[in-house]
Amino acid sequence: MDSGLAQIDVDPGRRRVDGEDARGRVRADAELTLTTGARVEGCFFLWASSPNYTGPERVGDLLNEQAGFFPFELKSGETALYNRAHVVIVRLPAAMTEARLEPGYEVAKRHLVAMLLSTGDHIVGTVSVFQPSGRDRLSDYARNGEMFRYIETKDHTLIVNSAHLVELQEIAD
């Protein structure tokens, strides 16, 4: 399917990373859970080099970048546009530990939590709070301005739309 974008190489002298196309994009597999309850498998189109920091663009960056629609390639090879407001959960492949690429991840305070989402889904996992000491409580995480947030479960990294977060409860270790 033609995207209508010119097929130019973003930097002909730069060495491409695995899977990068001539536009400087890579695909990142994921499963979306929508407000309708539907689960959709496919992949995001991400920049191989982020315009905002050193390293590749992450799925969380793309989702938090702006409101509205984003392209998502379906398993059939067709591309659909999904409205961010109606994406509840993004499930990344087990090997994709994207949350660990966040600046400050190594020193962030971790909280084991239970989440209840508007779809009725219950998630248990760990969230990281990237704030100075004393401002790294779960309530500080809850007030974070980002719409999409990481939670690491025992099997996968998930990205949850905070607009669909009904209840957030800390679990004692």
N, C-alpha and C. Protein backbone atom coordinates (compact mmCIF):
# COMPACT_ATOMS: atom_id res chain seq x y z
N MET A 1 0.84 -1.18 0.00
CA MET A 1 0.00 0.00 0.00
C MET A 1 0.89 1.24 0.00
N ASP A 2 0.70 2.14 -0.94
CA ASP A 2 1.52 3.35 -1.05
C ASP A 2 1.06 4.37 -0.04
N SER A 3 2.02 4.88 0.77
CA SER A 3 1.70 5.85 1.81
C SER A 3 1.58 7.25 1.26
N GLY A 4 2.01 7.47 0.00
CA GLY A 4 1.97 8.80 -0.56
C GLY A 4 3.20 9.62 -0.21
N LEU A 5 4.12 9.05 0.58
CA LEU A 5 5.34 9.76 0.96
C LEU A 5 6.40 9.52 -0.10
N ALA A 6 7.22 10.52 -0.34
CA ALA A 6 8.30 10.38 -1.30
C ALA A 6 9.27 9.32 -0.80
N GLN A 7 9.82 8.55 -1.70
CA GLN A 7 10.76 7.48 -1.35
C GLN A 7 12.18 8.03 -1.38
N ILE A 8 12.53 8.91 -0.46
CA ILE A 8 13.88 9.45 -0.42
C ILE A 8 14.61 8.87 0.78
N ASP A 9 15.90 8.72 0.66
CA ASP A 9 16.72 8.23 1.76
C ASP A 9 17.01 9.40 2.67
N VAL A 10 16.71 9.28 3.97
CA VAL A 10 16.87 10.38 4.91
C VAL A 10 18.31 10.81 5.09
N ASP A 11 19.25 9.93 4.94
CA ASP A 11 20.67 10.25 5.08
C ASP A 11 21.45 9.14 4.39
N PRO A 12 21.74 9.32 3.08
CA PRO A 12 22.35 8.24 2.32
C PRO A 12 23.69 7.76 2.86
N GLY A 13 24.43 8.62 3.58
CA GLY A 13 25.73 8.23 4.10
C GLY A 13 25.68 7.51 5.43
N ARG A 14 24.53 7.55 6.11
CA ARG A 14 24.40 6.95 7.44
C ARG A 14 24.12 5.45 7.29
N ARG A 15 24.74 4.66 8.14
CA ARG A 15 24.50 3.22 8.14
C ARG A 15 23.14 2.93 8.76
N ARG A 16 22.35 2.10 8.12
CA ARG A 16 21.01 1.77 8.61
C ARG A 16 21.06 0.68 9.67
N VAL A 17 20.10 0.72 10.60
CA VAL A 17 19.97 -0.34 11.59
C VAL A 17 19.13 -1.45 10.98
N ASP A 18 19.14 -2.64 11.60
CA ASP A 18 18.37 -3.77 11.08
C ASP A 18 16.90 -3.40 10.93
N GLY A 19 16.34 -3.70 9.77
CA GLY A 19 14.93 -3.48 9.52
C GLY A 19 14.57 -2.06 9.13
N GLU A 20 15.54 -1.17 9.07
CA GLU A 20 15.26 0.23 8.74
C GLU A 20 15.01 0.38 7.25
N ASP A 21 13.97 1.17 6.89
CA ASP A 21 13.70 1.41 5.48
C ASP A 21 14.41 2.68 5.03
N ALA A 22 14.26 3.04 3.78
CA ALA A 22 14.95 4.20 3.21
C ALA A 22 14.50 5.52 3.85
N ARG A 23 13.34 5.54 4.48
CA ARG A 23 12.85 6.75 5.14
C ARG A 23 13.36 6.89 6.56
N GLY A 24 14.11 5.89 7.03
CA GLY A 24 14.63 5.94 8.39
C GLY A 24 13.67 5.40 9.42
N ARG A 25 12.73 4.56 8.98
CA ARG A 25 11.74 3.99 9.91
C ARG A 25 12.00 2.50 10.12
N VAL A 26 11.61 2.05 11.32
CA VAL A 26 11.66 0.62 11.64
C VAL A 26 10.27 0.22 12.13
N ARG A 27 9.99 -1.07 12.07
CA ARG A 27 8.70 -1.57 12.55
C ARG A 27 8.89 -2.15 13.95
N ALA A 28 7.88 -1.94 14.80
CA ALA A 28 7.90 -2.49 16.16
C ALA A 28 6.59 -3.25 16.37
N ASP A 29 6.69 -4.57 16.54
CA ASP A 29 5.51 -5.41 16.75
C ASP A 29 4.81 -5.05 18.05
N ALA A 30 3.48 -5.19 18.05
CA ALA A 30 2.69 -4.92 19.25
C ALA A 30 1.28 -5.48 19.06
N GLU A 31 0.57 -5.56 20.18
CA GLU A 31 -0.84 -5.90 20.16
C GLU A 31 -1.59 -4.77 20.85
N LEU A 32 -2.60 -4.24 20.19
CA LEU A 32 -3.43 -3.17 20.75
C LEU A 32 -4.69 -3.76 21.35
N THR A 33 -5.10 -3.27 22.51
CA THR A 33 -6.42 -3.57 23.05
C THR A 33 -7.20 -2.28 22.97
N LEU A 34 -8.33 -2.32 22.26
CA LEU A 34 -9.14 -1.13 22.02
C LEU A 34 -10.30 -1.04 23.00
N THR A 35 -10.92 0.12 23.08
CA THR A 35 -12.07 0.32 23.97
C THR A 35 -13.23 -0.60 23.60
N THR A 36 -13.28 -1.07 22.38
CA THR A 36 -14.32 -1.99 21.95
C THR A 36 -14.10 -3.40 22.48
N GLY A 37 -12.89 -3.64 23.04
CA GLY A 37 -12.53 -4.97 23.51
C GLY A 37 -11.74 -5.75 22.47
N ALA A 38 -11.70 -5.24 21.24
CA ALA A 38 -10.95 -5.90 20.17
C ALA A 38 -9.45 -5.84 20.45
N ARG A 39 -8.76 -6.91 20.05
CA ARG A 39 -7.30 -6.96 20.13
C ARG A 39 -6.78 -7.05 18.71
N VAL A 40 -5.84 -6.18 18.40
CA VAL A 40 -5.32 -6.08 17.04
C VAL A 40 -3.81 -6.27 17.06
N GLU A 41 -3.31 -7.21 16.26
CA GLU A 41 -1.86 -7.44 16.16
C GLU A 41 -1.32 -6.77 14.92
N GLY A 42 -0.12 -6.24 15.05
CA GLY A 42 0.52 -5.60 13.92
C GLY A 42 1.80 -4.92 14.36
N CYS A 43 2.11 -3.79 13.72
CA CYS A 43 3.33 -3.09 14.10
C CYS A 43 3.21 -1.58 13.90
N PHE A 44 3.96 -0.88 14.74
CA PHE A 44 4.10 0.56 14.67
C PHE A 44 5.23 0.90 13.71
N PHE A 45 5.20 2.11 13.15
CA PHE A 45 6.31 2.64 12.37
C PHE A 45 7.02 3.66 13.25
N LEU A 46 8.28 3.41 13.56
CA LEU A 46 9.05 4.29 14.44
C LEU A 46 10.28 4.80 13.70
N TRP A 47 10.78 5.94 14.12
CA TRP A 47 12.01 6.47 13.55
C TRP A 47 13.19 5.71 14.14
N ALA A 48 14.14 5.34 13.30
CA ALA A 48 15.33 4.62 13.75
C ALA A 48 16.19 5.50 14.64
N SER A 49 16.06 6.82 14.46
CA SER A 49 16.81 7.78 15.28
C SER A 49 15.81 8.84 15.76
N SER A 50 15.64 8.93 17.07
CA SER A 50 14.69 9.89 17.64
C SER A 50 15.13 11.32 17.41
N PRO A 51 14.20 12.21 17.09
CA PRO A 51 14.55 13.62 16.96
C PRO A 51 14.73 14.31 18.31
N ASN A 52 14.33 13.65 19.41
CA ASN A 52 14.34 14.28 20.73
C ASN A 52 15.48 13.85 21.65
N TYR A 53 16.16 12.75 21.36
CA TYR A 53 17.23 12.25 22.21
C TYR A 53 18.06 11.26 21.41
N THR A 54 19.17 10.83 21.96
CA THR A 54 20.02 9.85 21.30
C THR A 54 19.37 8.48 21.40
N GLY A 55 19.27 7.81 20.30
CA GLY A 55 18.68 6.48 20.28
C GLY A 55 17.43 6.43 19.43
N PRO A 56 16.86 5.24 19.30
CA PRO A 56 15.67 5.08 18.46
C PRO A 56 14.41 5.62 19.13
N GLU A 57 13.42 5.95 18.32
CA GLU A 57 12.12 6.34 18.86
C GLU A 57 11.48 5.10 19.48
N ARG A 58 10.74 5.28 20.56
CA ARG A 58 10.06 4.18 21.23
C ARG A 58 8.55 4.28 20.97
N VAL A 59 7.85 3.17 21.14
CA VAL A 59 6.39 3.16 20.97
C VAL A 59 5.75 4.18 21.92
N GLY A 60 6.22 4.22 23.17
CA GLY A 60 5.69 5.18 24.14
C GLY A 60 5.86 6.62 23.68
N ASP A 61 6.98 6.92 23.02
CA ASP A 61 7.22 8.27 22.49
C ASP A 61 6.18 8.61 21.43
N LEU A 62 5.97 7.68 20.51
CA LEU A 62 5.02 7.91 19.42
C LEU A 62 3.62 8.14 19.98
N LEU A 63 3.21 7.34 20.96
CA LEU A 63 1.86 7.48 21.51
C LEU A 63 1.69 8.78 22.28
N ASN A 64 2.72 9.23 22.98
CA ASN A 64 2.63 10.45 23.78
C ASN A 64 2.94 11.72 22.99
N GLU A 65 3.37 11.58 21.77
CA GLU A 65 3.80 12.71 20.96
C GLU A 65 2.67 13.70 20.68
N GLN A 66 1.49 13.20 20.39
CA GLN A 66 0.36 14.07 20.06
C GLN A 66 -0.94 13.29 20.20
N ALA A 67 -2.04 13.99 20.12
CA ALA A 67 -3.36 13.35 20.18
C ALA A 67 -3.75 12.91 18.76
N GLY A 68 -4.86 12.19 18.66
CA GLY A 68 -5.37 11.82 17.35
C GLY A 68 -4.92 10.45 16.90
N PHE A 69 -4.79 10.31 15.61
CA PHE A 69 -4.57 9.02 14.98
C PHE A 69 -3.10 8.72 14.72
N PHE A 70 -2.78 7.42 14.66
CA PHE A 70 -1.44 6.97 14.29
C PHE A 70 -1.61 5.78 13.34
N PRO A 71 -0.66 5.58 12.42
CA PRO A 71 -0.73 4.41 11.53
C PRO A 71 -0.23 3.16 12.22
N PHE A 72 -0.87 2.04 11.90
CA PHE A 72 -0.51 0.75 12.49
C PHE A 72 -0.67 -0.29 11.39
N GLU A 73 0.42 -0.99 11.08
CA GLU A 73 0.36 -2.01 10.04
C GLU A 73 -0.20 -3.30 10.61
N LEU A 74 -1.26 -3.79 10.01
CA LEU A 74 -1.91 -5.02 10.45
C LEU A 74 -1.15 -6.24 9.94
N LYS A 75 -1.40 -7.39 10.53
CA LYS A 75 -0.74 -8.64 10.12
C LYS A 75 -0.99 -8.93 8.64
N SER A 76 -2.11 -8.45 8.10
CA SER A 76 -2.44 -8.67 6.69
C SER A 76 -1.56 -7.84 5.75
N GLY A 77 -0.82 -6.88 6.31
CA GLY A 77 0.01 -6.00 5.49
C GLY A 77 -0.65 -4.67 5.20
N GLU A 78 -1.95 -4.57 5.48
CA GLU A 78 -2.65 -3.30 5.29
C GLU A 78 -2.37 -2.39 6.47
N THR A 79 -2.51 -1.08 6.26
CA THR A 79 -2.29 -0.12 7.33
C THR A 79 -3.61 0.54 7.70
N ALA A 80 -3.87 0.58 9.00
CA ALA A 80 -5.08 1.24 9.52
C ALA A 80 -4.64 2.39 10.42
N LEU A 81 -5.52 3.36 10.58
CA LEU A 81 -5.26 4.47 11.49
C LEU A 81 -6.10 4.24 12.74
N TYR A 82 -5.46 4.35 13.91
CA TYR A 82 -6.15 4.15 15.19
C TYR A 82 -6.10 5.44 15.99
N ASN A 83 -7.21 5.72 16.65
CA ASN A 83 -7.31 6.90 17.49
C ASN A 83 -6.71 6.56 18.86
N ARG A 84 -5.72 7.33 19.28
CA ARG A 84 -5.03 7.09 20.55
C ARG A 84 -6.01 7.03 21.73
N ALA A 85 -7.04 7.87 21.70
CA ALA A 85 -7.99 7.93 22.81
C ALA A 85 -8.72 6.61 23.01
N HIS A 86 -8.77 5.76 21.98
CA HIS A 86 -9.49 4.49 22.06
C HIS A 86 -8.58 3.28 22.15
N VAL A 87 -7.29 3.53 22.38
CA VAL A 87 -6.34 2.46 22.64
C VAL A 87 -6.18 2.39 24.15
N VAL A 88 -6.49 1.24 24.74
CA VAL A 88 -6.43 1.07 26.19
C VAL A 88 -5.08 0.51 26.61
N ILE A 89 -4.63 -0.54 25.93
CA ILE A 89 -3.36 -1.21 26.27
C ILE A 89 -2.58 -1.48 24.99
N VAL A 90 -1.28 -1.30 25.07
CA VAL A 90 -0.37 -1.75 24.02
C VAL A 90 0.53 -2.79 24.66
N ARG A 91 0.51 -3.99 24.11
CA ARG A 91 1.35 -5.08 24.63
C ARG A 91 2.52 -5.28 23.68
N LEU A 92 3.73 -5.09 24.22
CA LEU A 92 4.95 -5.25 23.43
C LEU A 92 5.43 -6.69 23.53
N PRO A 93 6.20 -7.16 22.55
CA PRO A 93 6.73 -8.53 22.62
C PRO A 93 7.58 -8.73 23.87
N ALA A 94 7.64 -9.96 24.35
CA ALA A 94 8.37 -10.27 25.59
C ALA A 94 9.82 -9.79 25.56
N ALA A 95 10.46 -9.88 24.42
CA ALA A 95 11.87 -9.50 24.32
C ALA A 95 12.07 -7.98 24.25
N MET A 96 11.00 -7.24 24.07
CA MET A 96 11.11 -5.78 23.90
C MET A 96 10.93 -5.11 25.26
N THR A 97 12.03 -4.69 25.84
CA THR A 97 12.03 -4.08 27.18
C THR A 97 12.15 -2.57 27.06
N GLU A 98 11.25 -1.97 26.32
CA GLU A 98 11.30 -0.55 26.00
C GLU A 98 11.33 0.36 27.22
N ALA A 99 10.63 0.01 28.28
CA ALA A 99 10.58 0.85 29.48
C ALA A 99 11.96 1.06 30.07
N ARG A 100 12.83 0.10 29.89
CA ARG A 100 14.19 0.19 30.45
C ARG A 100 15.07 1.19 29.71
N LEU A 101 14.59 1.67 28.58
CA LEU A 101 15.33 2.68 27.81
C LEU A 101 15.02 4.10 28.26
N GLU A 102 14.05 4.25 29.17
CA GLU A 102 13.70 5.58 29.68
C GLU A 102 14.90 6.18 30.42
N PRO A 103 15.21 7.45 30.18
CA PRO A 103 16.30 8.09 30.93
C PRO A 103 15.99 8.04 32.43
N GLY A 104 16.96 7.63 33.21
CA GLY A 104 16.78 7.55 34.66
C GLY A 104 16.17 6.24 35.14
N TYR A 105 15.95 5.30 34.24
CA TYR A 105 15.31 4.04 34.62
C TYR A 105 16.06 3.34 35.75
N GLU A 106 17.37 3.32 35.67
CA GLU A 106 18.18 2.60 36.66
C GLU A 106 18.03 3.14 38.07
N VAL A 107 17.72 4.43 38.22
CA VAL A 107 17.62 5.02 39.56
C VAL A 107 16.17 5.33 39.96
N ALA A 108 15.22 5.09 39.08
CA ALA A 108 13.82 5.39 39.38
C ALA A 108 13.29 4.47 40.48
N LYS A 109 12.38 4.99 41.28
CA LYS A 109 11.74 4.18 42.32
C LYS A 109 10.68 3.30 41.66
N ARG A 110 10.63 2.04 42.08
CA ARG A 110 9.68 1.08 41.51
C ARG A 110 8.56 0.81 42.51
N HIS A 111 7.36 0.64 41.97
CA HIS A 111 6.19 0.32 42.78
C HIS A 111 5.48 -0.88 42.14
N LEU A 112 5.23 -1.91 42.94
CA LEU A 112 4.42 -3.04 42.49
C LEU A 112 2.97 -2.62 42.64
N VAL A 113 2.21 -2.69 41.55
CA VAL A 113 0.84 -2.17 41.55
C VAL A 113 -0.16 -3.13 40.92
N ALA A 114 -1.42 -2.88 41.24
CA ALA A 114 -2.54 -3.52 40.56
C ALA A 114 -3.33 -2.41 39.89
N MET A 115 -3.66 -2.61 38.63
CA MET A 115 -4.44 -1.64 37.87
C MET A 115 -5.75 -2.26 37.44
N LEU A 116 -6.81 -1.47 37.53
CA LEU A 116 -8.11 -1.83 36.96
C LEU A 116 -8.37 -0.85 35.84
N LEU A 117 -8.65 -1.36 34.66
CA LEU A 117 -8.89 -0.51 33.50
C LEU A 117 -10.37 -0.46 33.15
N SER A 118 -10.75 0.53 32.37
CA SER A 118 -12.16 0.73 32.00
C SER A 118 -12.74 -0.45 31.24
N THR A 119 -11.90 -1.28 30.65
CA THR A 119 -12.35 -2.47 29.92
C THR A 119 -12.62 -3.64 30.86
N GLY A 120 -12.27 -3.46 32.16
CA GLY A 120 -12.40 -4.55 33.13
C GLY A 120 -11.12 -5.34 33.28
N ASP A 121 -10.11 -5.05 32.45
CA ASP A 121 -8.82 -5.75 32.55
C ASP A 121 -8.15 -5.39 33.87
N HIS A 122 -7.54 -6.39 34.50
CA HIS A 122 -6.73 -6.20 35.72
C HIS A 122 -5.29 -6.50 35.33
N ILE A 123 -4.40 -5.61 35.72
CA ILE A 123 -2.98 -5.79 35.42
C ILE A 123 -2.20 -5.68 36.71
N VAL A 124 -1.27 -6.59 36.93
CA VAL A 124 -0.35 -6.52 38.07
C VAL A 124 1.05 -6.42 37.48
N GLY A 125 1.78 -5.42 37.95
CA GLY A 125 3.13 -5.23 37.45
C GLY A 125 3.84 -4.11 38.19
N THR A 126 4.95 -3.71 37.64
CA THR A 126 5.79 -2.69 38.26
C THR A 126 5.81 -1.42 37.42
N VAL A 127 5.61 -0.29 38.09
CA VAL A 127 5.75 1.02 37.44
C VAL A 127 6.97 1.71 38.03
N SER A 128 7.60 2.53 37.24
CA SER A 128 8.77 3.29 37.68
C SER A 128 8.40 4.76 37.75
N VAL A 129 8.84 5.42 38.84
CA VAL A 129 8.54 6.84 39.02
C VAL A 129 9.85 7.60 38.90
N PHE A 130 9.93 8.46 37.89
CA PHE A 130 11.13 9.22 37.57
C PHE A 130 11.05 10.63 38.17
N GLN A 131 11.10 10.72 39.49
CA GLN A 131 11.01 12.00 40.19
C GLN A 131 12.04 12.03 41.32
N PRO A 132 12.39 13.23 41.80
CA PRO A 132 13.32 13.31 42.93
C PRO A 132 12.74 12.63 44.17
N SER A 133 13.62 12.23 45.07
CA SER A 133 13.21 11.61 46.32
C SER A 133 12.19 12.49 47.03
N GLY A 134 11.14 11.87 47.54
CA GLY A 134 10.06 12.60 48.18
C GLY A 134 8.93 12.93 47.22
N ARG A 135 9.23 12.85 45.93
CA ARG A 135 8.21 13.07 44.89
C ARG A 135 8.12 11.85 43.98
N ASP A 136 8.46 10.70 44.56
CA ASP A 136 8.48 9.47 43.79
C ASP A 136 7.48 8.45 44.32
N ARG A 137 6.39 8.98 44.86
CA ARG A 137 5.33 8.11 45.38
C ARG A 137 4.41 7.67 44.24
N LEU A 138 3.57 6.70 44.51
CA LEU A 138 2.62 6.24 43.51
C LEU A 138 1.66 7.37 43.13
N SER A 139 1.30 8.22 44.09
CA SER A 139 0.42 9.35 43.77
C SER A 139 1.09 10.32 42.80
N ASP A 140 2.41 10.43 42.86
CA ASP A 140 3.14 11.27 41.90
C ASP A 140 3.08 10.65 40.50
N TYR A 141 3.20 9.33 40.45
CA TYR A 141 3.04 8.62 39.18
C TYR A 141 1.65 8.86 38.60
N ALA A 142 0.65 8.80 39.46
CA ALA A 142 -0.74 8.97 39.01
C ALA A 142 -0.98 10.36 38.44
N ARG A 143 -0.26 11.36 38.94
CA ARG A 143 -0.43 12.74 38.46
C ARG A 143 0.47 13.09 37.29
N ASN A 144 1.31 12.18 36.87
CA ASN A 144 2.20 12.41 35.73
C ASN A 144 1.36 12.82 34.52
N GLY A 145 1.85 13.77 33.74
CA GLY A 145 1.08 14.30 32.62
C GLY A 145 1.03 13.43 31.38
N GLU A 146 1.85 12.39 31.30
CA GLU A 146 1.85 11.58 30.09
C GLU A 146 0.59 10.71 30.01
N MET A 147 0.00 10.66 28.84
CA MET A 147 -1.21 9.86 28.64
C MET A 147 -0.89 8.36 28.68
N PHE A 148 0.17 7.95 27.99
CA PHE A 148 0.52 6.53 27.92
C PHE A 148 1.72 6.26 28.82
N ARG A 149 1.59 5.21 29.64
CA ARG A 149 2.61 4.91 30.65
C ARG A 149 2.97 3.43 30.65
N TYR A 150 4.22 3.18 30.97
CA TYR A 150 4.72 1.80 31.00
C TYR A 150 4.35 1.11 32.31
N ILE A 151 4.07 -0.19 32.19
CA ILE A 151 3.98 -1.08 33.34
C ILE A 151 4.65 -2.38 32.90
N GLU A 152 5.56 -2.86 33.72
CA GLU A 152 6.29 -4.09 33.40
C GLU A 152 5.67 -5.25 34.18
N THR A 153 5.15 -6.23 33.45
CA THR A 153 4.60 -7.42 34.08
C THR A 153 5.68 -8.50 34.04
N LYS A 154 5.37 -9.67 34.61
CA LYS A 154 6.39 -10.73 34.62
C LYS A 154 6.68 -11.24 33.20
N ASP A 155 5.76 -11.04 32.25
CA ASP A 155 5.94 -11.57 30.90
C ASP A 155 6.20 -10.52 29.82
N HIS A 156 5.65 -9.31 29.99
CA HIS A 156 5.69 -8.31 28.93
C HIS A 156 5.79 -6.90 29.49
N THR A 157 6.19 -6.00 28.62
CA THR A 157 6.05 -4.58 28.92
C THR A 157 4.74 -4.14 28.27
N LEU A 158 3.91 -3.47 29.05
CA LEU A 158 2.66 -2.93 28.55
C LEU A 158 2.74 -1.41 28.60
N ILE A 159 1.99 -0.78 27.72
CA ILE A 159 1.83 0.66 27.75
C ILE A 159 0.33 0.90 27.92
N VAL A 160 -0.03 1.57 29.01
CA VAL A 160 -1.44 1.74 29.37
C VAL A 160 -1.85 3.19 29.15
N ASN A 161 -3.04 3.37 28.58
CA ASN A 161 -3.61 4.71 28.41
C ASN A 161 -4.20 5.13 29.75
N SER A 162 -3.62 6.15 30.37
CA SER A 162 -4.04 6.56 31.72
C SER A 162 -5.47 7.08 31.77
N ALA A 163 -6.04 7.47 30.63
CA ALA A 163 -7.44 7.90 30.60
C ALA A 163 -8.38 6.74 30.89
N HIS A 164 -7.89 5.51 30.74
CA HIS A 164 -8.70 4.32 30.98
C HIS A 164 -8.32 3.62 32.28
N LEU A 165 -7.50 4.26 33.08
CA LEU A 165 -7.09 3.73 34.38
C LEU A 165 -8.15 4.11 35.41
N VAL A 166 -8.87 3.11 35.92
CA VAL A 166 -9.96 3.33 36.87
C VAL A 166 -9.45 3.30 38.29
N GLU A 167 -8.58 2.33 38.59
CA GLU A 167 -8.04 2.18 39.94
C GLU A 167 -6.59 1.78 39.86
N LEU A 168 -5.80 2.38 40.76
CA LEU A 168 -4.37 2.08 40.86
C LEU A 168 -4.08 1.85 42.32
N GLN A 169 -3.56 0.66 42.64
CA GLN A 169 -3.33 0.31 44.05
C GLN A 169 -1.95 -0.30 44.20
N GLU A 170 -1.20 0.17 45.19
CA GLU A 170 0.11 -0.38 45.46
C GLU A 170 -0.06 -1.71 46.19
N ILE A 171 0.79 -2.67 45.83
CA ILE A 171 0.77 -3.99 46.44
C ILE A 171 2.03 -4.13 47.28
N ALA A 172 1.89 -4.60 48.50
CA ALA A 172 3.05 -4.83 49.35
C ALA A 172 3.88 -5.96 48.77
N ASP A 173 5.20 -5.80 48.78
CA ASP A 173 6.10 -6.85 48.24
C ASP A 173 6.02 -8.11 49.05
